[in-house]
Amino acid sequence: MNNGYALLADLIVILHLIYVLFAVGGQLAILVGRALHQAFIENPVFRICHLAAVAIVAVEASIGLFCPLTLWEYNLRQLAGQRVDTDISFVGRLVRLIIFYDLPDWAFTALHISFGLLVMLTFILVPPRLSKRR
């Protein structure tokens, strides 16, 4: 077993978790921030990055592409001589339990596209500040 590949696979699955937390947590922060009249939700860099991150996943789902992070992790696990479902580190298993669920593919596609539409609608209804206020 090659521990270098296993470590890279663990790092990728952690990066994947951070991406998911940014997408879901960002949407939650925008909605709560709007309700509490917080100015940070108007930050255009945050809002555009958030919209782009979610749109990438929604587009991938709508055209049937697998997530590149998942594919890279699987490939690295194979190079490390690991099976994704049994032979991985504690951290890898823990993170995978948080972000992966046993649902049919169509459910993930519907979830990703619906969430993408929600984020887009939020972007329109609660727009970022694109110009300086006077």
Protein backbone atom coordinates (compact mmCIF):
# COMPACT_ATOMS: atom_id res chain seq x y z
CA MET A 1 0.00 0.00 0.00
CA ASN A 2 1.32 3.46 -0.89
CA ASN A 3 0.70 5.84 2.02
CA GLY A 4 1.46 8.91 -0.13
CA TYR A 5 -1.52 8.20 -2.36
CA ALA A 6 -3.68 7.41 0.67
CA LEU A 7 -2.72 10.72 2.28
CA LEU A 8 -3.54 12.61 -0.93
CA ALA A 9 -6.91 10.83 -1.10
CA ASP A 10 -7.63 11.87 2.50
CA LEU A 11 -6.66 15.46 1.68
CA ILE A 12 -8.97 15.46 -1.33
CA VAL A 13 -11.91 14.12 0.69
CA ILE A 14 -11.25 16.86 3.30
CA LEU A 15 -11.19 19.45 0.49
CA HIS A 16 -14.47 17.97 -0.72
CA LEU A 17 -15.98 18.45 2.74
CA ILE A 18 -14.81 22.07 2.80
CA TYR A 19 -16.44 22.62 -0.60
CA VAL A 20 -19.73 21.13 0.62
CA LEU A 21 -19.60 23.20 3.82
CA PHE A 22 -18.98 26.35 1.78
CA ALA A 23 -21.92 25.58 -0.52
CA VAL A 24 -24.45 24.62 2.16
CA GLY A 25 -23.10 26.82 4.95
CA GLY A 26 -22.82 29.78 2.61
CA GLN A 27 -26.47 29.51 1.64
CA LEU A 28 -27.48 29.20 5.28
CA ALA A 29 -25.30 32.21 6.18
CA ILE A 30 -26.92 34.28 3.41
CA LEU A 31 -30.45 33.45 4.54
CA VAL A 32 -29.72 34.01 8.24
CA GLY A 33 -27.67 37.12 7.44
CA ARG A 34 -30.57 38.51 5.45
CA ALA A 35 -32.99 37.89 8.30
CA LEU A 36 -30.60 39.57 10.75
CA HIS A 37 -29.77 42.46 8.35
CA GLN A 38 -26.07 41.61 8.20
CA ALA A 39 -24.01 43.51 5.64
CA PHE A 40 -21.59 40.63 4.89
CA ILE A 41 -24.21 38.94 2.72
CA GLU A 42 -23.87 41.78 0.23
CA ASN A 43 -20.17 41.08 -0.34
CA PRO A 44 -19.94 40.51 -4.10
CA VAL A 45 -16.79 38.35 -3.97
CA PHE A 46 -18.35 35.96 -1.45
CA ARG A 47 -21.68 35.86 -3.27
CA ILE A 48 -20.25 35.34 -6.75
CA CYS A 49 -17.83 32.64 -5.50
CA HIS A 50 -20.71 30.93 -3.69
CA LEU A 51 -22.98 31.06 -6.74
CA ALA A 52 -20.17 29.75 -8.98
CA ALA A 53 -19.32 26.89 -6.59
CA VAL A 54 -22.94 25.73 -6.45
CA ALA A 55 -23.54 26.31 -10.18
CA ILE A 56 -20.57 24.07 -11.07
CA VAL A 57 -22.08 21.20 -9.09
CA ALA A 58 -25.58 21.79 -10.50
CA VAL A 59 -24.29 21.84 -14.09
CA GLU A 60 -22.22 18.69 -13.51
CA ALA A 61 -25.32 16.97 -12.13
CA SER A 62 -27.56 18.15 -14.95
CA ILE A 63 -25.24 16.79 -17.67
CA GLY A 64 -24.38 13.60 -15.81
CA LEU A 65 -20.75 14.28 -14.92
CA PHE A 66 -19.20 12.73 -11.85
CA CYS A 67 -17.63 15.09 -9.35
CA PRO A 68 -13.92 15.44 -10.16
CA LEU A 69 -13.03 15.44 -6.45
CA THR A 70 -14.77 12.09 -6.00
CA LEU A 71 -13.05 10.63 -9.06
CA TRP A 72 -9.62 11.88 -7.94
CA GLU A 73 -10.15 10.43 -4.49
CA TYR A 74 -11.22 7.05 -5.91
CA ASN A 75 -8.24 6.97 -8.28
CA LEU A 76 -5.79 7.82 -5.50
CA ARG A 77 -7.34 5.18 -3.24
CA GLN A 78 -6.85 2.60 -6.01
CA LEU A 79 -3.22 3.69 -6.46
CA ALA A 80 -2.81 3.30 -2.68
CA GLY A 81 -4.21 -0.22 -2.87
CA GLN A 82 -7.31 0.77 -0.91
CA ARG A 83 -10.99 0.05 -1.39
CA VAL A 84 -13.06 3.15 -0.74
CA ASP A 85 -15.65 1.34 1.35
CA THR A 86 -13.31 -0.59 3.69
CA ASP A 87 -9.58 0.12 3.61
CA ILE A 88 -9.39 3.83 4.30
CA SER A 89 -8.19 5.90 7.25
CA PHE A 90 -10.39 7.01 10.12
CA VAL A 91 -10.40 10.58 8.81
CA GLY A 92 -11.32 9.43 5.32
CA ARG A 93 -14.18 7.29 6.65
CA LEU A 94 -15.45 10.07 8.92
CA VAL A 95 -15.49 12.70 6.20
CA ARG A 96 -17.08 10.33 3.71
CA LEU A 97 -19.85 9.56 6.24
CA ILE A 98 -20.59 13.29 6.43
CA ILE A 99 -20.72 14.04 2.70
CA PHE A 100 -21.79 10.79 0.99
CA TYR A 101 -25.16 9.12 1.37
CA ASP A 102 -26.63 5.93 -0.03
CA LEU A 103 -29.25 7.41 -2.34
CA PRO A 104 -30.08 6.69 -5.98
CA ASP A 105 -28.27 8.78 -8.57
CA TRP A 106 -31.48 10.56 -9.62
CA ALA A 107 -31.94 11.81 -6.03
CA PHE A 108 -28.49 13.40 -6.01
CA THR A 109 -29.13 14.95 -9.42
CA ALA A 110 -32.46 16.41 -8.27
CA LEU A 111 -30.90 17.63 -5.02
CA HIS A 112 -27.94 19.33 -6.73
CA ILE A 113 -30.09 21.00 -9.38
CA SER A 114 -32.72 22.11 -6.84
CA PHE A 115 -30.08 23.53 -4.54
CA GLY A 116 -28.48 25.33 -7.50
CA LEU A 117 -31.85 26.88 -8.37
CA LEU A 118 -32.34 27.93 -4.74
CA VAL A 119 -28.95 29.63 -4.67
CA MET A 120 -29.66 31.35 -7.98
CA LEU A 121 -33.05 32.55 -6.72
CA THR A 122 -31.43 33.80 -3.52
CA PHE A 123 -28.81 35.64 -5.60
CA ILE A 124 -31.62 37.41 -7.46
CA LEU A 125 -33.88 38.13 -4.46
CA VAL A 126 -31.05 39.01 -2.08
CA PRO A 127 -28.52 40.48 -4.50
CA PRO A 128 -24.94 41.30 -3.64
CA ARG A 129 -23.82 44.92 -3.54
CA LEU A 130 -22.19 45.39 -6.94
CA SER A 131 -21.55 49.13 -6.63
CA LYS A 132 -20.55 51.41 -3.78
CA ARG A 133 -23.35 53.05 -1.86
CA ARG A 134 -23.30 56.79 -1.35
